[in-house]
Amino acid sequence: MVFLYTTYSNYGVDLMNKKLKLIAITSLIALMVTNTGCSLLFKKDDGPPPEPPGVETPETSVEEDKKVLGILSEYFDSVYGESFQSYAQNVVSGNIPEKLKTFIAKRTLDEGIGNPEIGIHLPRVVEINGLSIVGYELIKGQDNKAVIDSGFIGKTGDNFLYFIKMKLKAKTLPNTVFDQYYVHNKETGIYDSTGNTPTEDMYEYIKVEAKYDVEVALEGGEYKIVTVKEANSKPGIKNRLFKLNNEFLNRLPYLNLENESEKAIYDSEKALIEAVFNNLIKLDKERMVLFKSKWNTSDVEFKSFLNMVGALNVSDKESLFIDQEYKTKFSYDAFPLQINMEKINKIENIKVDVHPGYSSKDKRYFVSFDASVLQANGMVGVEQVYYYDYYVKLKNEADTVMIERIKLNEFYKRQNDKN
C-alpha cells in the first residue's frame, strides 16, 4: 500500500506541474498579443521586399516619338526621292547633299563634313538572291507617307537611339546583267556605270525591308538626325559599300494580299493555275501514250497535241508557254497522270501559295492538290486519292500571263486510303 501511494502521489505532482506550465505559456501568449497586436503573430508572408524603382529611361513620350517618326519619314522620303547614283560623290567625299542638311544635327555638320565616315549612310548597290539592286522606291501608305516602323531603344549620352524598319520596292538586275553595265571601283568602293544603259525589260522588281539605327538630338526644340546607319553595318566605308554586305535588308513577299490591286493579280494567276491543272486531267492513259510520242518529237508537235485534246487554252488564250526548252520546263514525268494510273477523275483541295522568290518578272508558286485517281491495276471503278505537290513558274508574254514551267516535287497515295 505504501508503494501504491507513492506512485500515485508522484503522478499527481507531475500532472500539476504540466498544468502550471500550460497556464504560464498561455499567459505569455496573451501578454505578447496585448503588447504587439495579433498582426505580429499571424502576419502573412508577402515575399521579398520590392526592388526600388529604376531610373526612367527612355526619356521620351508617345508624343515625342511621333515627332521623331515624322522627321524620319520626311527625311527618307527626301532621300529616296531621286536615284541614289546621284549620291555617289557625296558617299565618297563625306559631304551631305544640300537637300538633306535641314534634317541633320549641327554637330554632325560641323564635325563630320568631308569625312566619309560621317555616319550618314545613303542608299547604295546591294546584292540579294542573285540580284543587284540599282534603285529604290519608298512604299507608302494610304496617307502617302513612307511606311516606317520605329522603336525607341535608349539614350546614348544626350542623343536618342531608334531602330527603324521601312519597306522599299527595289529595282534590280540579275548579277550577270549587272556586271555588263557596272564596274566596281576599288579605290572608292562604289559601282560606276560603264556608260551603257540597260533596257527597261532587263530590270526586275522585288520588295525589301531596310533596317537602320538612327540617333537623333533635340536642338532648339526640334529633333535632328545625328547618325543614320545600316543595322549591323561593317566598319570602314569600303567594307560597308561592298554589295554582298546585305545584312540590313530582308526580302519581303512581292504580293501584298491585303492590297486590292495586288490581291487581284494573285486571284487572276491562281485561277490560271487551277484551270491549267484541270485541263491536264484530260490526258488519260491512252492519250498519254500518244502524248509521249509527240513530246519526244518537237515543241511544235507537243503544243499541237495539247491543243487537239483541249489542254492548251484557258478562256480562249494559250495557257502554256512552250519553246525549244520545253523538255526541261515541262518534263514528261511532271504531268499528273503517272504509271499504273488509268485516269484522274477530279482535282480537289487545290492550294496555290506565293513562292518567296516571286518578283515582278519571276512569278513563282507552290501548288498542291488532291486527285481522285482510277488505277490501271485493281478493282474497276475504285478510286484512290493522291496528293500532289508542284513548283510552278509563270511568264508574262505579250501582255498574256502563261505557265512556262511545272515541276513535280512529289506525289503519294493518301495514307487513309486502302489498296
Protein backbone atom coordinates (compact mmCIF):
# COMPACT_ATOMS: atom_id res chain seq x y z
CA MET A 1 0.00 0.00 0.00
CA VAL A 2 2.82 2.34 0.73
CA PHE A 3 4.24 1.64 -2.75
CA LEU A 4 0.96 2.42 -4.49
CA TYR A 5 0.51 5.67 -2.57
CA THR A 6 3.96 6.85 -3.51
CA THR A 7 3.41 6.13 -7.21
CA TYR A 8 0.08 7.93 -7.45
CA SER A 9 1.41 10.82 -5.42
CA ASN A 10 4.23 11.33 -7.91
CA TYR A 11 1.81 11.12 -10.82
CA GLY A 12 -0.35 13.82 -9.26
CA VAL A 13 2.60 16.10 -8.78
CA ASP A 14 3.67 15.69 -12.41
CA LEU A 15 0.17 16.41 -13.67
CA MET A 16 0.00 19.54 -11.57
CA ASN A 17 3.36 20.72 -12.92
CA LYS A 18 2.21 20.29 -16.55
CA LYS A 19 -0.93 22.31 -15.82
CA LEU A 20 1.12 25.08 -14.28
CA LYS A 21 3.41 25.15 -17.38
CA LEU A 22 0.40 25.35 -19.70
CA ILE A 23 -1.07 28.24 -17.71
CA ALA A 24 2.27 30.05 -17.84
CA ILE A 25 2.62 29.64 -21.63
CA THR A 26 -0.98 30.81 -22.20
CA SER A 27 -0.36 33.87 -20.06
CA LEU A 28 2.81 34.67 -22.01
CA ILE A 29 0.98 34.49 -25.35
CA ALA A 30 -1.78 36.72 -24.07
CA LEU A 31 0.78 39.26 -22.92
CA MET A 32 2.50 39.28 -26.37
CA VAL A 33 -0.81 39.76 -28.16
CA THR A 34 -1.67 42.63 -25.87
CA ASN A 35 1.67 44.40 -26.40
CA THR A 36 2.21 43.83 -30.12
CA GLY A 37 -1.20 43.08 -31.56
CA CYS A 38 -2.38 39.98 -33.45
CA SER A 39 -0.73 41.05 -36.67
CA LEU A 40 2.74 40.20 -35.37
CA LEU A 41 1.87 36.57 -34.73
CA PHE A 42 -0.36 35.94 -37.69
CA LYS A 43 1.20 38.25 -40.32
CA LYS A 44 1.06 36.84 -43.88
CA ASP A 45 4.40 36.38 -45.67
CA ASP A 46 4.48 38.93 -48.53
CA GLY A 47 7.74 37.59 -50.01
CA PRO A 48 10.92 39.62 -50.55
CA PRO A 49 10.63 43.41 -50.37
CA PRO A 50 10.05 45.13 -53.73
CA GLU A 51 13.07 46.46 -55.59
CA PRO A 52 13.48 50.23 -55.62
CA PRO A 53 12.10 51.82 -58.79
CA GLY A 54 14.65 52.13 -61.60
CA VAL A 55 15.65 55.28 -63.38
CA GLU A 56 13.06 56.18 -66.03
CA THR A 57 14.60 55.74 -69.47
CA PRO A 58 13.81 56.34 -72.24
CA GLU A 59 13.14 60.00 -71.58
CA THR A 60 10.56 60.19 -74.32
CA SER A 61 6.81 60.01 -74.60
CA VAL A 62 4.34 58.86 -77.22
CA GLU A 63 4.01 62.43 -78.43
CA GLU A 64 7.77 62.91 -78.73
CA ASP A 65 8.19 59.57 -80.53
CA LYS A 66 5.57 60.67 -83.07
CA LYS A 67 7.56 63.84 -83.71
CA VAL A 68 10.72 61.80 -84.32
CA LEU A 69 8.86 59.42 -86.64
CA GLY A 70 7.52 62.39 -88.58
CA ILE A 71 11.04 63.79 -89.06
CA LEU A 72 12.38 60.39 -90.16
CA SER A 73 9.51 59.90 -92.59
CA GLU A 74 10.26 63.24 -94.23
CA TYR A 75 13.99 62.52 -94.28
CA PHE A 76 13.72 59.13 -96.01
CA ASP A 77 11.07 60.46 -98.37
CA SER A 78 13.63 63.04 -99.45
CA VAL A 79 16.49 60.51 -99.60
CA TYR A 80 14.63 58.08 -101.85
CA GLY A 81 13.05 60.85 -103.90
CA GLU A 82 15.76 60.54 -106.52
CA SER A 83 18.21 57.99 -107.92
CA PHE A 84 20.86 57.03 -105.40
CA GLN A 85 23.51 57.18 -108.13
CA SER A 86 23.30 60.96 -107.69
CA TYR A 87 24.73 60.50 -104.18
CA ALA A 88 27.87 58.71 -105.37
CA GLN A 89 30.22 61.66 -104.89
CA ASN A 90 28.63 62.51 -101.53
CA VAL A 91 29.36 58.99 -100.33
CA VAL A 92 32.99 59.21 -101.43
CA SER A 93 33.61 62.72 -100.08
CA GLY A 94 31.53 62.56 -96.91
CA ASN A 95 29.64 65.73 -97.86
CA ILE A 96 25.93 65.79 -97.05
CA PRO A 97 23.62 66.51 -100.02
CA GLU A 98 22.24 70.03 -99.70
CA LYS A 99 18.60 68.96 -99.62
CA LEU A 100 19.28 66.69 -96.61
CA LYS A 101 21.18 69.20 -94.46
CA THR A 102 18.00 70.61 -92.95
CA PHE A 103 17.43 67.22 -91.24
CA ILE A 104 20.98 66.81 -89.91
CA ALA A 105 22.23 67.87 -86.46
CA LYS A 106 24.63 70.83 -86.22
CA ARG A 107 27.31 68.71 -84.53
CA THR A 108 27.31 66.23 -87.41
CA LEU A 109 27.55 69.02 -89.97
CA ASP A 110 30.30 70.85 -88.07
CA GLU A 111 32.47 67.83 -87.28
CA GLY A 112 31.66 65.28 -89.99
CA ILE A 113 31.52 67.16 -93.27
CA GLY A 114 34.27 65.98 -95.60
CA ASN A 115 34.74 62.68 -93.74
CA PRO A 116 33.38 59.53 -95.50
CA GLU A 117 32.83 58.01 -92.05
CA ILE A 118 30.38 60.78 -91.14
CA GLY A 119 27.74 58.20 -90.22
CA ILE A 120 25.01 59.21 -92.67
CA HIS A 121 24.51 56.04 -94.73
CA LEU A 122 22.93 56.75 -98.09
CA PRO A 123 21.29 54.17 -100.41
CA ARG A 124 23.71 52.02 -102.41
CA VAL A 125 24.07 48.92 -104.61
CA VAL A 126 23.24 45.75 -102.67
CA GLU A 127 23.17 42.15 -103.87
CA ILE A 128 20.39 39.87 -102.66
CA ASN A 129 19.33 36.45 -104.01
CA GLY A 130 21.40 36.77 -107.18
CA LEU A 131 20.02 40.22 -107.97
CA SER A 132 21.86 43.56 -107.73
CA ILE A 133 19.74 46.47 -106.54
CA VAL A 134 20.26 49.58 -108.65
CA GLY A 135 17.32 51.69 -107.46
CA TYR A 136 14.83 52.09 -104.62
CA GLU A 137 11.31 53.41 -104.20
CA LEU A 138 9.64 54.01 -100.84
CA ILE A 139 6.46 52.01 -100.32
CA LYS A 140 3.91 54.49 -98.99
CA GLY A 141 0.68 54.05 -97.10
CA GLN A 142 -2.78 55.43 -97.84
CA ASP A 143 -1.69 58.76 -96.33
CA ASN A 144 1.06 58.96 -99.00
CA LYS A 145 3.71 58.76 -96.28
CA ALA A 146 6.56 56.29 -96.01
CA VAL A 147 5.63 53.08 -94.18
CA ILE A 148 8.14 53.20 -91.31
CA ASP A 149 8.15 51.05 -88.19
CA SER A 150 10.04 52.85 -85.42
CA GLY A 151 11.07 51.70 -81.95
CA PHE A 152 12.92 53.62 -79.23
CA ILE A 153 15.97 51.77 -77.89
CA GLY A 154 17.56 54.12 -75.34
CA LYS A 155 19.87 57.04 -74.85
CA THR A 156 23.50 57.40 -75.85
CA GLY A 157 24.66 60.42 -73.91
CA ASP A 158 22.30 63.23 -74.84
CA ASN A 159 21.12 61.52 -78.02
CA PHE A 160 18.08 59.30 -78.51
CA LEU A 161 18.62 56.00 -80.34
CA TYR A 162 15.90 54.49 -82.55
CA PHE A 163 15.72 51.25 -84.51
CA ILE A 164 13.64 51.69 -87.63
CA LYS A 165 12.40 49.47 -90.46
CA MET A 166 10.96 50.63 -93.76
CA LYS A 167 9.53 48.91 -96.83
CA LEU A 168 11.03 49.55 -100.24
CA LYS A 169 10.43 48.48 -103.81
CA ALA A 170 13.83 47.68 -105.28
CA LYS A 171 14.82 47.91 -108.94
CA THR A 172 17.27 45.11 -109.73
CA LEU A 173 19.35 43.48 -112.44
CA PRO A 174 20.43 39.83 -112.46
CA ASN A 175 24.09 39.72 -111.46
CA THR A 176 25.17 38.57 -114.92
CA VAL A 177 23.45 41.58 -116.48
CA PHE A 178 24.63 43.98 -113.77
CA ASP A 179 28.26 43.07 -114.44
CA GLN A 180 27.82 44.18 -118.07
CA TYR A 181 26.72 47.69 -117.09
CA TYR A 182 28.56 48.41 -113.83
CA VAL A 183 32.15 48.03 -112.63
CA HIS A 184 33.45 48.07 -109.07
CA ASN A 185 35.76 50.99 -108.29
CA LYS A 186 38.30 49.56 -105.84
CA GLU A 187 39.52 52.99 -104.79
CA THR A 188 36.14 54.46 -103.82
CA GLY A 189 34.21 51.26 -103.14
CA ILE A 190 31.24 52.34 -105.28
CA TYR A 191 29.97 50.77 -108.52
CA ASP A 192 30.46 53.01 -111.54
CA SER A 193 28.38 52.84 -114.70
CA THR A 194 30.19 51.64 -117.81
CA GLY A 195 28.33 54.31 -119.77
CA ASN A 196 25.78 51.94 -121.27
CA THR A 197 22.18 51.83 -120.06
CA PRO A 198 20.15 48.62 -119.63
CA THR A 199 16.83 48.46 -121.43
CA GLU A 200 13.70 48.51 -119.28
CA ASP A 201 12.86 44.86 -119.97
CA MET A 202 16.12 43.84 -118.25
CA TYR A 203 15.01 45.15 -114.87
CA GLU A 204 13.26 43.08 -112.26
CA TYR A 205 11.47 44.44 -109.19
CA ILE A 206 11.40 42.97 -105.70
CA LYS A 207 10.34 44.24 -102.26
CA VAL A 208 12.69 44.55 -99.31
CA GLU A 209 12.70 45.82 -95.75
CA ALA A 210 15.61 48.10 -94.78
CA LYS A 211 16.73 48.36 -91.14
CA TYR A 212 18.59 51.35 -89.69
CA ASP A 213 19.92 52.55 -86.33
CA VAL A 214 19.22 56.27 -86.05
CA GLU A 215 20.48 58.74 -83.45
CA VAL A 216 18.55 61.97 -83.00
CA ALA A 217 19.18 65.00 -80.82
CA LEU A 218 16.98 67.82 -79.63
CA GLU A 219 18.28 71.12 -80.99
CA GLY A 220 16.40 74.35 -80.38
CA GLY A 221 13.18 72.46 -79.72
CA GLU A 222 13.48 70.37 -82.93
CA TYR A 223 14.73 66.84 -83.46
CA LYS A 224 17.73 66.49 -85.76
CA ILE A 225 19.50 63.39 -87.09
CA VAL A 226 22.97 62.80 -85.67
CA THR A 227 23.65 59.49 -87.44
CA VAL A 228 21.64 57.09 -89.58
CA LYS A 229 23.44 53.77 -90.02
CA GLU A 230 22.57 50.49 -91.66
CA ALA A 231 21.79 47.92 -88.98
CA ASN A 232 24.72 45.51 -88.45
CA SER A 233 26.90 47.76 -90.60
CA LYS A 234 30.52 46.81 -91.27
CA PRO A 235 33.24 49.21 -90.06
CA GLY A 236 35.11 51.02 -92.80
CA ILE A 237 33.37 52.62 -95.77
CA LYS A 238 34.78 50.23 -98.39
CA ASN A 239 33.66 47.20 -96.40
CA ARG A 240 30.20 48.68 -95.92
CA LEU A 241 29.76 49.58 -99.59
CA PHE A 242 30.61 46.06 -100.82
CA LYS A 243 27.36 44.89 -102.39
CA LEU A 244 27.36 41.47 -100.70
CA ASN A 245 27.10 43.31 -97.38
CA ASN A 246 23.31 42.97 -97.23
CA GLU A 247 22.52 42.16 -93.59
CA PHE A 248 20.45 45.32 -93.15
CA LEU A 249 17.98 44.13 -95.82
CA ASN A 250 15.30 41.45 -95.67
CA ARG A 251 13.43 40.33 -98.74
CA LEU A 252 9.65 40.69 -98.46
CA PRO A 253 6.82 38.89 -100.29
CA TYR A 254 6.24 40.79 -103.51
CA LEU A 255 2.46 40.41 -103.47
CA ASN A 256 0.69 42.02 -100.55
CA LEU A 257 -2.64 40.22 -100.46
CA GLU A 258 -4.10 42.96 -98.26
CA ASN A 259 -3.64 45.38 -101.15
CA GLU A 260 -6.61 45.21 -103.51
CA SER A 261 -4.68 45.62 -106.76
CA GLU A 262 -2.04 43.05 -105.77
CA LYS A 263 -4.71 40.65 -104.49
CA ALA A 264 -6.36 40.92 -107.93
CA ILE A 265 -3.08 39.84 -109.57
CA TYR A 266 -2.87 36.83 -107.26
CA ASP A 267 -6.50 35.86 -107.87
CA SER A 268 -6.02 36.03 -111.65
CA GLU A 269 -2.83 33.94 -111.60
CA LYS A 270 -4.33 31.46 -109.15
CA ALA A 271 -7.34 30.99 -111.45
CA LEU A 272 -5.00 30.36 -114.40
CA ILE A 273 -3.03 27.72 -112.47
CA GLU A 274 -6.19 25.94 -111.33
CA ALA A 275 -7.60 25.92 -114.87
CA VAL A 276 -4.37 24.51 -116.36
CA PHE A 277 -4.22 21.59 -113.95
CA ASN A 278 -7.89 20.84 -114.54
CA ASN A 279 -7.11 20.84 -118.27
CA LEU A 280 -4.25 18.38 -117.79
CA ILE A 281 -6.52 15.70 -116.34
CA LYS A 282 -7.91 15.31 -119.88
CA LEU A 283 -4.75 13.30 -120.57
CA ASP A 284 -5.91 9.80 -119.64
CA LYS A 285 -3.85 6.63 -120.07
CA GLU A 286 -4.47 6.24 -123.83
CA ARG A 287 -3.80 9.87 -124.57
CA MET A 288 -0.59 9.84 -122.50
CA VAL A 289 0.78 7.10 -124.81
CA LEU A 290 0.14 9.28 -127.87
CA PHE A 291 1.25 12.36 -125.99
CA LYS A 292 4.67 10.89 -125.21
CA SER A 293 5.35 10.33 -128.89
CA LYS A 294 4.52 13.96 -129.67
CA TRP A 295 6.50 15.20 -126.66
CA ASN A 296 9.56 13.29 -127.92
CA THR A 297 9.24 14.72 -131.45
CA SER A 298 9.32 18.53 -131.17
CA ASP A 299 7.88 21.55 -129.40
CA VAL A 300 5.53 22.11 -132.34
CA GLU A 301 4.10 18.55 -132.17
CA PHE A 302 3.94 18.75 -128.36
CA LYS A 303 1.98 22.00 -128.48
CA SER A 304 -0.27 20.78 -131.31
CA PHE A 305 -1.31 17.67 -129.40
CA LEU A 306 -2.16 19.62 -126.24
CA ASN A 307 -4.28 21.93 -128.35
CA MET A 308 -6.02 18.99 -130.04
CA VAL A 309 -7.18 17.43 -126.75
CA GLY A 310 -8.25 20.80 -125.30
CA ALA A 311 -5.49 21.03 -122.71
CA LEU A 312 -3.66 24.11 -124.02
CA ASN A 313 -6.08 27.03 -123.82
CA VAL A 314 -7.78 28.77 -120.90
CA SER A 315 -10.50 31.31 -121.73
CA ASP A 316 -9.55 31.06 -125.42
CA LYS A 317 -5.94 32.03 -124.68
CA GLU A 318 -2.83 29.87 -124.68
CA SER A 319 -2.01 28.99 -121.10
CA LEU A 320 1.36 27.25 -121.57
CA PHE A 321 4.47 29.00 -122.90
CA ILE A 322 6.18 26.31 -124.99
CA ASP A 323 9.53 26.94 -126.66
CA GLN A 324 12.52 24.81 -127.64
CA GLU A 325 13.41 24.25 -123.97
CA TYR A 326 10.05 22.58 -123.33
CA LYS A 327 11.55 19.23 -122.33
CA THR A 328 13.24 20.73 -119.26
CA LYS A 329 10.37 23.09 -118.47
CA PHE A 330 7.60 20.51 -119.00
CA SER A 331 9.15 17.17 -118.20
CA TYR A 332 7.01 14.24 -119.29
CA ASP A 333 7.14 12.89 -115.72
CA ALA A 334 5.80 16.20 -114.39
CA PHE A 335 2.31 15.62 -115.82
CA PRO A 336 -0.19 14.43 -113.20
CA LEU A 337 -1.05 11.02 -114.69
CA GLN A 338 1.65 8.59 -113.57
CA ILE A 339 2.49 4.92 -114.16
CA ASN A 340 -0.31 2.47 -113.26
CA MET A 341 -2.92 5.23 -113.35
CA GLU A 342 -5.89 4.93 -115.71
CA LYS A 343 -7.46 8.33 -115.30
CA ILE A 344 -7.70 11.31 -112.94
CA ASN A 345 -11.39 11.96 -112.35
CA LYS A 346 -11.14 15.26 -110.47
CA ILE A 347 -8.85 17.59 -108.57
CA GLU A 348 -9.85 18.92 -105.16
CA ASN A 349 -8.40 20.97 -102.29
CA ILE A 350 -6.11 22.88 -104.61
CA LYS A 351 -3.82 25.27 -102.76
CA VAL A 352 -1.79 27.98 -104.52
CA ASP A 353 0.84 29.75 -102.39
CA VAL A 354 3.14 32.56 -103.48
CA HIS A 355 6.80 31.45 -103.59
CA PRO A 356 9.22 33.63 -101.52
CA GLY A 357 11.19 34.27 -104.73
CA TYR A 358 8.22 35.83 -106.52
CA SER A 359 9.13 39.11 -108.27
CA SER A 360 7.74 41.37 -110.99
CA LYS A 361 9.13 39.05 -113.70
CA ASP A 362 9.78 35.81 -111.86
CA LYS A 363 6.26 34.74 -110.89
CA ARG A 364 6.60 31.58 -108.84
CA TYR A 365 4.10 29.50 -106.90
CA PHE A 366 3.83 26.39 -104.76
CA VAL A 367 0.82 24.34 -105.86
CA SER A 368 -0.69 21.33 -104.12
CA PHE A 369 -3.92 19.37 -104.52
CA ASP A 370 -5.66 16.04 -104.02
CA ALA A 371 -6.55 13.97 -107.09
CA SER A 372 -9.12 11.17 -107.28
CA VAL A 373 -7.42 8.52 -109.43
CA LEU A 374 -8.64 5.38 -111.15
CA GLN A 375 -5.74 2.94 -111.11
CA ALA A 376 -4.86 0.73 -114.08
CA ASN A 377 -4.42 -2.28 -111.80
CA GLY A 378 -7.08 -3.08 -109.24
CA MET A 379 -10.82 -3.21 -108.89
CA VAL A 380 -12.76 -1.49 -111.66
CA GLY A 381 -14.29 1.83 -110.60
CA VAL A 382 -12.41 2.08 -107.32
CA GLU A 383 -10.79 5.49 -106.78
CA GLN A 384 -7.65 6.26 -104.83
CA VAL A 385 -6.76 9.73 -103.58
CA TYR A 386 -3.25 11.00 -104.30
CA TYR A 387 -1.57 14.15 -103.00
CA TYR A 388 0.46 16.24 -105.49
CA ASP A 389 2.99 18.98 -104.77
CA TYR A 390 4.24 21.22 -107.61
CA TYR A 391 6.51 24.17 -108.29
CA VAL A 392 5.01 26.43 -110.99
CA LYS A 393 6.57 29.40 -112.76
CA LEU A 394 4.62 31.93 -114.83
CA LYS A 395 5.72 34.22 -117.62
CA ASN A 396 4.24 37.44 -118.97
CA GLU A 397 4.44 37.11 -122.73
CA ALA A 398 2.91 39.80 -124.96
CA ASP A 399 0.72 41.01 -122.06
CA THR A 400 -0.56 37.48 -121.51
CA VAL A 401 0.37 35.52 -118.40
CA MET A 402 1.20 31.87 -119.15
CA ILE A 403 2.77 28.96 -117.32
CA GLU A 404 6.33 28.44 -118.54
CA ARG A 405 7.43 25.66 -116.16
CA ILE A 406 5.90 22.96 -113.98
CA LYS A 407 7.97 20.75 -111.72
CA LEU A 408 6.54 17.85 -109.77
CA ASN A 409 8.15 17.82 -106.32
CA GLU A 410 6.33 14.75 -105.01
CA PHE A 411 3.12 12.73 -105.17
CA TYR A 412 1.91 9.94 -102.92
CA LYS A 413 -1.19 8.00 -102.03
CA ARG A 414 -3.06 9.34 -99.06
CA GLN A 415 -2.41 7.06 -96.08
CA ASN A 416 -6.05 6.76 -95.11
CA ASP A 417 -6.84 5.17 -98.47
CA LYS A 418 -6.71 1.42 -98.87
CA ASN A 419 -5.13 -0.55 -101.72
